[in-house]
Amino acid sequence: PEKLFVPGHSCAKPSEKLRRVRKANQNTGRLFFSCSRSGCNASFHWADDSFPRCKCAGPATKSRLRVCKNGQNGGRWFYGCGKPKGPANCGFFQWAEPAALEKALGAHLRPLT
């Protein structure tokens, strides 16, 4: 059976999805787990608890998981600063190791758009 990341499922067959925040706010781009079954009371859970912190000021600054789109590293996952490109972005970069991603995200990992 697939590992469940979200506590409190009230549905008979939990169907968790890994999603990315799209709403424009301080969490834009963050990954989270939720149940896709309607009426399920499963609670929301951030998926980036084990991700490295970037170098930006503030205790809650998490890096964002991204994927290279081109070149010899196309399809390879990496962590980058969670802030938008510009002067506020610290430029943090770290390759994501496959074993660490498997542990953090299980079988849910796939390119997210």
N, C-alpha and C. Protein backbone atom coordinates (compact mmCIF):
# COMPACT_ATOMS: atom_id res chain seq x y z
N PRO A 1 0.82 -1.21 0.00
CA PRO A 1 0.00 0.00 0.00
C PRO A 1 0.86 1.26 0.00
N GLU A 2 0.31 2.31 -0.58
CA GLU A 2 1.00 3.59 -0.66
C GLU A 2 1.07 4.25 0.71
N LYS A 3 2.22 4.81 1.04
CA LYS A 3 2.41 5.50 2.32
C LYS A 3 1.52 6.73 2.37
N LEU A 4 0.80 6.91 3.48
CA LEU A 4 -0.06 8.08 3.65
C LEU A 4 0.70 9.15 4.42
N PHE A 5 0.60 10.39 3.96
CA PHE A 5 1.30 11.51 4.57
C PHE A 5 0.36 12.42 5.35
N VAL A 6 -0.94 12.34 5.08
CA VAL A 6 -1.92 13.24 5.69
C VAL A 6 -2.75 12.48 6.72
N PRO A 7 -2.80 12.96 7.96
CA PRO A 7 -3.61 12.30 8.98
C PRO A 7 -5.10 12.65 8.86
N GLY A 8 -5.95 11.81 9.42
CA GLY A 8 -7.37 12.12 9.56
C GLY A 8 -8.27 11.78 8.40
N HIS A 9 -7.91 10.80 7.58
CA HIS A 9 -8.77 10.44 6.45
C HIS A 9 -10.09 9.87 6.96
N SER A 10 -11.20 10.34 6.37
CA SER A 10 -12.51 9.80 6.71
C SER A 10 -13.09 9.02 5.54
N CYS A 11 -12.37 8.94 4.43
CA CYS A 11 -12.86 8.20 3.27
C CYS A 11 -12.36 6.75 3.33
N ALA A 12 -13.06 5.87 2.65
CA ALA A 12 -12.70 4.44 2.69
C ALA A 12 -11.38 4.15 1.97
N LYS A 13 -11.12 4.85 0.88
CA LYS A 13 -9.89 4.63 0.11
C LYS A 13 -9.19 5.96 -0.10
N PRO A 14 -8.32 6.34 0.85
CA PRO A 14 -7.62 7.62 0.71
C PRO A 14 -6.86 7.71 -0.61
N SER A 15 -6.95 8.86 -1.23
CA SER A 15 -6.25 9.11 -2.48
C SER A 15 -5.50 10.43 -2.35
N GLU A 16 -4.30 10.36 -1.80
CA GLU A 16 -3.54 11.57 -1.58
C GLU A 16 -2.90 12.07 -2.86
N LYS A 17 -2.85 13.37 -2.98
CA LYS A 17 -2.23 14.02 -4.13
C LYS A 17 -1.17 14.98 -3.62
N LEU A 18 -0.07 15.04 -4.34
CA LEU A 18 0.96 16.04 -4.07
C LEU A 18 0.64 17.22 -4.98
N ARG A 19 0.49 18.38 -4.38
CA ARG A 19 0.09 19.57 -5.14
C ARG A 19 1.05 20.72 -4.86
N ARG A 20 0.97 21.73 -5.69
CA ARG A 20 1.80 22.92 -5.54
C ARG A 20 0.88 24.13 -5.36
N VAL A 21 1.20 25.00 -4.39
CA VAL A 21 0.41 26.21 -4.16
C VAL A 21 0.56 27.12 -5.38
N ARG A 22 -0.56 27.52 -5.94
CA ARG A 22 -0.56 28.39 -7.12
C ARG A 22 -1.01 29.81 -6.78
N LYS A 23 -1.74 29.96 -5.69
CA LYS A 23 -2.23 31.27 -5.28
C LYS A 23 -1.03 32.17 -4.96
N ALA A 24 -1.08 33.41 -5.40
CA ALA A 24 0.02 34.35 -5.19
C ALA A 24 0.04 34.82 -3.74
N ASN A 25 0.95 34.27 -2.96
CA ASN A 25 1.17 34.69 -1.58
C ASN A 25 2.54 34.18 -1.14
N GLN A 26 2.84 34.25 0.15
CA GLN A 26 4.17 33.84 0.63
C GLN A 26 4.43 32.35 0.45
N ASN A 27 3.42 31.54 0.16
CA ASN A 27 3.59 30.09 -0.03
C ASN A 27 3.56 29.66 -1.49
N THR A 28 3.52 30.58 -2.41
CA THR A 28 3.49 30.23 -3.84
C THR A 28 4.65 29.29 -4.16
N GLY A 29 4.32 28.17 -4.79
CA GLY A 29 5.33 27.19 -5.19
C GLY A 29 5.59 26.10 -4.18
N ARG A 30 5.10 26.22 -2.94
CA ARG A 30 5.32 25.18 -1.94
C ARG A 30 4.49 23.95 -2.27
N LEU A 31 5.01 22.78 -1.90
CA LEU A 31 4.31 21.51 -2.12
C LEU A 31 3.53 21.12 -0.88
N PHE A 32 2.37 20.50 -1.08
CA PHE A 32 1.57 20.01 0.03
C PHE A 32 0.81 18.76 -0.38
N PHE A 33 0.40 17.98 0.62
CA PHE A 33 -0.42 16.79 0.40
C PHE A 33 -1.85 17.10 0.80
N SER A 34 -2.80 16.54 0.06
CA SER A 34 -4.21 16.61 0.42
C SER A 34 -4.91 15.40 -0.19
N CYS A 35 -6.08 15.05 0.35
CA CYS A 35 -6.84 13.93 -0.19
C CYS A 35 -7.72 14.44 -1.32
N SER A 36 -7.76 13.70 -2.42
CA SER A 36 -8.54 14.14 -3.58
C SER A 36 -9.98 13.62 -3.55
N ARG A 37 -10.33 12.83 -2.56
CA ARG A 37 -11.71 12.32 -2.46
C ARG A 37 -12.62 13.38 -1.85
N SER A 38 -13.74 13.64 -2.51
CA SER A 38 -14.65 14.66 -1.99
C SER A 38 -15.27 14.19 -0.67
N GLY A 39 -15.39 15.11 0.25
CA GLY A 39 -15.98 14.80 1.54
C GLY A 39 -15.02 14.22 2.56
N CYS A 40 -13.78 13.97 2.18
CA CYS A 40 -12.80 13.43 3.12
C CYS A 40 -12.36 14.54 4.07
N ASN A 41 -12.20 14.19 5.33
CA ASN A 41 -11.82 15.16 6.36
C ASN A 41 -10.32 15.18 6.64
N ALA A 42 -9.54 14.65 5.73
CA ALA A 42 -8.09 14.62 5.95
C ALA A 42 -7.55 16.03 6.08
N SER A 43 -6.62 16.19 7.00
CA SER A 43 -6.03 17.51 7.18
C SER A 43 -4.95 17.77 6.14
N PHE A 44 -4.65 19.00 5.98
CA PHE A 44 -3.65 19.49 5.04
C PHE A 44 -2.26 19.24 5.65
N HIS A 45 -1.26 18.92 4.80
CA HIS A 45 0.09 18.68 5.32
C HIS A 45 1.13 19.20 4.33
N TRP A 46 2.03 20.09 4.81
CA TRP A 46 3.11 20.57 3.96
C TRP A 46 4.03 19.41 3.62
N ALA A 47 4.51 19.35 2.41
CA ALA A 47 5.39 18.25 1.96
C ALA A 47 6.87 18.61 2.06
N ASP A 48 7.17 19.84 2.45
CA ASP A 48 8.56 20.29 2.43
C ASP A 48 9.23 20.32 3.80
N ASP A 49 8.72 19.58 4.77
CA ASP A 49 9.30 19.59 6.12
C ASP A 49 10.78 19.20 6.13
N SER A 50 11.17 18.29 5.27
CA SER A 50 12.55 17.81 5.26
C SER A 50 13.43 18.54 4.23
N PHE A 51 12.89 19.51 3.53
CA PHE A 51 13.67 20.25 2.54
C PHE A 51 14.66 21.17 3.25
N PRO A 52 15.81 21.44 2.63
CA PRO A 52 16.78 22.36 3.25
C PRO A 52 16.24 23.79 3.28
N ARG A 53 16.73 24.53 4.24
CA ARG A 53 16.37 25.96 4.31
C ARG A 53 17.32 26.74 3.41
N CYS A 54 16.76 27.76 2.76
CA CYS A 54 17.65 28.60 1.95
C CYS A 54 18.31 29.62 2.87
N LYS A 55 19.13 30.50 2.31
CA LYS A 55 19.93 31.42 3.10
C LYS A 55 19.21 32.72 3.43
N CYS A 56 17.97 32.88 3.02
CA CYS A 56 17.22 34.10 3.30
C CYS A 56 16.96 34.23 4.80
N ALA A 57 16.81 35.45 5.24
CA ALA A 57 16.54 35.70 6.66
C ALA A 57 15.16 35.17 7.03
N GLY A 58 15.01 34.75 8.26
CA GLY A 58 13.73 34.27 8.76
C GLY A 58 13.76 32.80 9.05
N PRO A 59 13.18 32.39 10.16
CA PRO A 59 13.24 30.99 10.57
C PRO A 59 12.41 30.05 9.73
N ALA A 60 11.43 30.54 9.01
CA ALA A 60 10.53 29.66 8.26
C ALA A 60 10.83 29.62 6.77
N THR A 61 12.00 30.08 6.35
CA THR A 61 12.30 30.14 4.92
C THR A 61 12.71 28.77 4.41
N LYS A 62 11.85 28.15 3.63
CA LYS A 62 12.11 26.84 3.03
C LYS A 62 12.49 27.01 1.58
N SER A 63 13.34 26.13 1.10
CA SER A 63 13.65 26.13 -0.32
C SER A 63 12.48 25.49 -1.06
N ARG A 64 12.43 25.69 -2.37
CA ARG A 64 11.39 25.10 -3.21
C ARG A 64 12.01 24.01 -4.07
N LEU A 65 11.28 22.93 -4.26
CA LEU A 65 11.73 21.85 -5.12
C LEU A 65 11.36 22.20 -6.55
N ARG A 66 12.34 22.11 -7.42
CA ARG A 66 12.14 22.45 -8.83
C ARG A 66 12.80 21.37 -9.68
N VAL A 67 12.54 21.40 -10.97
CA VAL A 67 13.15 20.43 -11.88
C VAL A 67 13.82 21.16 -13.04
N CYS A 68 15.03 20.72 -13.39
CA CYS A 68 15.72 21.28 -14.56
C CYS A 68 14.92 20.91 -15.80
N LYS A 69 14.76 21.85 -16.70
CA LYS A 69 13.96 21.58 -17.88
C LYS A 69 14.79 21.31 -19.13
N ASN A 70 16.04 21.79 -19.15
CA ASN A 70 16.84 21.68 -20.37
C ASN A 70 18.24 21.18 -20.07
N GLY A 71 18.97 20.86 -21.14
CA GLY A 71 20.38 20.52 -21.03
C GLY A 71 20.64 19.13 -20.50
N GLN A 72 21.89 18.88 -20.16
CA GLN A 72 22.30 17.54 -19.71
C GLN A 72 21.67 17.17 -18.37
N ASN A 73 21.19 18.15 -17.59
CA ASN A 73 20.53 17.86 -16.31
C ASN A 73 19.01 17.92 -16.42
N GLY A 74 18.48 17.92 -17.63
CA GLY A 74 17.03 17.96 -17.83
C GLY A 74 16.34 16.83 -17.09
N GLY A 75 15.34 17.15 -16.30
CA GLY A 75 14.60 16.17 -15.52
C GLY A 75 15.16 15.93 -14.12
N ARG A 76 16.29 16.53 -13.80
CA ARG A 76 16.89 16.35 -12.48
C ARG A 76 16.31 17.38 -11.51
N TRP A 77 15.96 16.91 -10.30
CA TRP A 77 15.36 17.76 -9.28
C TRP A 77 16.42 18.53 -8.51
N PHE A 78 16.08 19.75 -8.09
CA PHE A 78 16.96 20.56 -7.26
C PHE A 78 16.15 21.45 -6.34
N TYR A 79 16.80 21.94 -5.28
CA TYR A 79 16.19 22.90 -4.37
C TYR A 79 16.71 24.28 -4.73
N GLY A 80 15.84 25.27 -4.72
CA GLY A 80 16.23 26.65 -4.98
C GLY A 80 15.56 27.57 -3.98
N CYS A 81 16.04 28.80 -3.89
CA CYS A 81 15.45 29.78 -2.98
C CYS A 81 13.95 29.86 -3.24
N GLY A 82 13.18 29.98 -2.18
CA GLY A 82 11.73 30.01 -2.29
C GLY A 82 11.16 31.35 -2.72
N LYS A 83 12.00 32.37 -2.76
CA LYS A 83 11.51 33.69 -3.15
C LYS A 83 11.61 33.86 -4.66
N PRO A 84 10.77 34.73 -5.24
CA PRO A 84 10.82 34.96 -6.69
C PRO A 84 12.18 35.53 -7.10
N LYS A 85 12.53 35.35 -8.38
CA LYS A 85 13.78 35.91 -8.89
C LYS A 85 13.77 37.42 -8.67
N GLY A 86 14.92 37.92 -8.29
CA GLY A 86 15.04 39.36 -8.04
C GLY A 86 15.96 39.61 -6.86
N PRO A 87 16.00 40.84 -6.37
CA PRO A 87 16.94 41.19 -5.31
C PRO A 87 16.67 40.46 -3.98
N ALA A 88 15.45 40.03 -3.73
CA ALA A 88 15.14 39.34 -2.47
C ALA A 88 15.58 37.87 -2.48
N ASN A 89 15.83 37.31 -3.66
CA ASN A 89 16.22 35.91 -3.81
C ASN A 89 17.69 35.75 -3.42
N CYS A 90 17.99 34.79 -2.52
CA CYS A 90 19.36 34.61 -2.02
C CYS A 90 20.23 33.78 -2.97
N GLY A 91 19.64 33.15 -3.98
CA GLY A 91 20.40 32.37 -4.94
C GLY A 91 20.73 30.96 -4.48
N PHE A 92 20.08 30.50 -3.42
CA PHE A 92 20.35 29.15 -2.90
C PHE A 92 20.10 28.10 -3.98
N PHE A 93 21.01 27.11 -4.06
CA PHE A 93 20.89 26.00 -5.01
C PHE A 93 21.51 24.76 -4.39
N GLN A 94 20.79 23.62 -4.51
CA GLN A 94 21.32 22.34 -4.04
C GLN A 94 20.62 21.23 -4.83
N TRP A 95 21.40 20.30 -5.39
CA TRP A 95 20.79 19.16 -6.07
C TRP A 95 20.03 18.32 -5.05
N ALA A 96 18.88 17.79 -5.45
CA ALA A 96 18.07 16.91 -4.60
C ALA A 96 18.48 15.46 -4.87
N GLU A 97 18.89 14.77 -3.84
CA GLU A 97 19.30 13.38 -3.99
C GLU A 97 18.06 12.49 -4.11
N PRO A 98 18.03 11.54 -5.05
CA PRO A 98 16.85 10.69 -5.25
C PRO A 98 16.38 9.96 -3.99
N ALA A 99 17.31 9.46 -3.17
CA ALA A 99 16.92 8.73 -1.95
C ALA A 99 16.19 9.65 -0.97
N ALA A 100 16.65 10.89 -0.84
CA ALA A 100 16.00 11.85 0.06
C ALA A 100 14.61 12.22 -0.44
N LEU A 101 14.47 12.38 -1.75
CA LEU A 101 13.16 12.70 -2.32
C LEU A 101 12.18 11.55 -2.12
N GLU A 102 12.66 10.32 -2.30
CA GLU A 102 11.81 9.14 -2.11
C GLU A 102 11.32 9.08 -0.67
N LYS A 103 12.19 9.36 0.27
CA LYS A 103 11.82 9.33 1.68
C LYS A 103 10.81 10.43 2.02
N ALA A 104 11.02 11.62 1.47
CA ALA A 104 10.14 12.76 1.78
C ALA A 104 8.81 12.73 1.05
N LEU A 105 8.80 12.22 -0.19
CA LEU A 105 7.60 12.33 -1.03
C LEU A 105 7.05 11.00 -1.51
N GLY A 106 7.75 9.92 -1.26
CA GLY A 106 7.27 8.60 -1.67
C GLY A 106 7.05 8.51 -3.17
N ALA A 107 6.03 7.78 -3.55
CA ALA A 107 5.73 7.55 -4.96
C ALA A 107 4.99 8.74 -5.60
N HIS A 108 4.78 9.81 -4.82
CA HIS A 108 4.04 10.95 -5.34
C HIS A 108 4.85 11.83 -6.26
N LEU A 109 6.16 11.70 -6.24
CA LEU A 109 6.99 12.61 -7.01
C LEU A 109 6.87 12.35 -8.50
N ARG A 110 6.56 13.40 -9.22
CA ARG A 110 6.52 13.42 -10.67
C ARG A 110 6.62 14.88 -11.07
N PRO A 111 7.01 15.19 -12.27
CA PRO A 111 7.09 16.61 -12.61
C PRO A 111 5.77 17.31 -12.35
N LEU A 112 5.83 18.39 -11.62
CA LEU A 112 4.65 19.19 -11.31
C LEU A 112 4.71 20.46 -12.13
N THR A 113 3.60 20.85 -12.70
CA THR A 113 3.58 22.07 -13.51
C THR A 113 2.97 23.19 -12.74
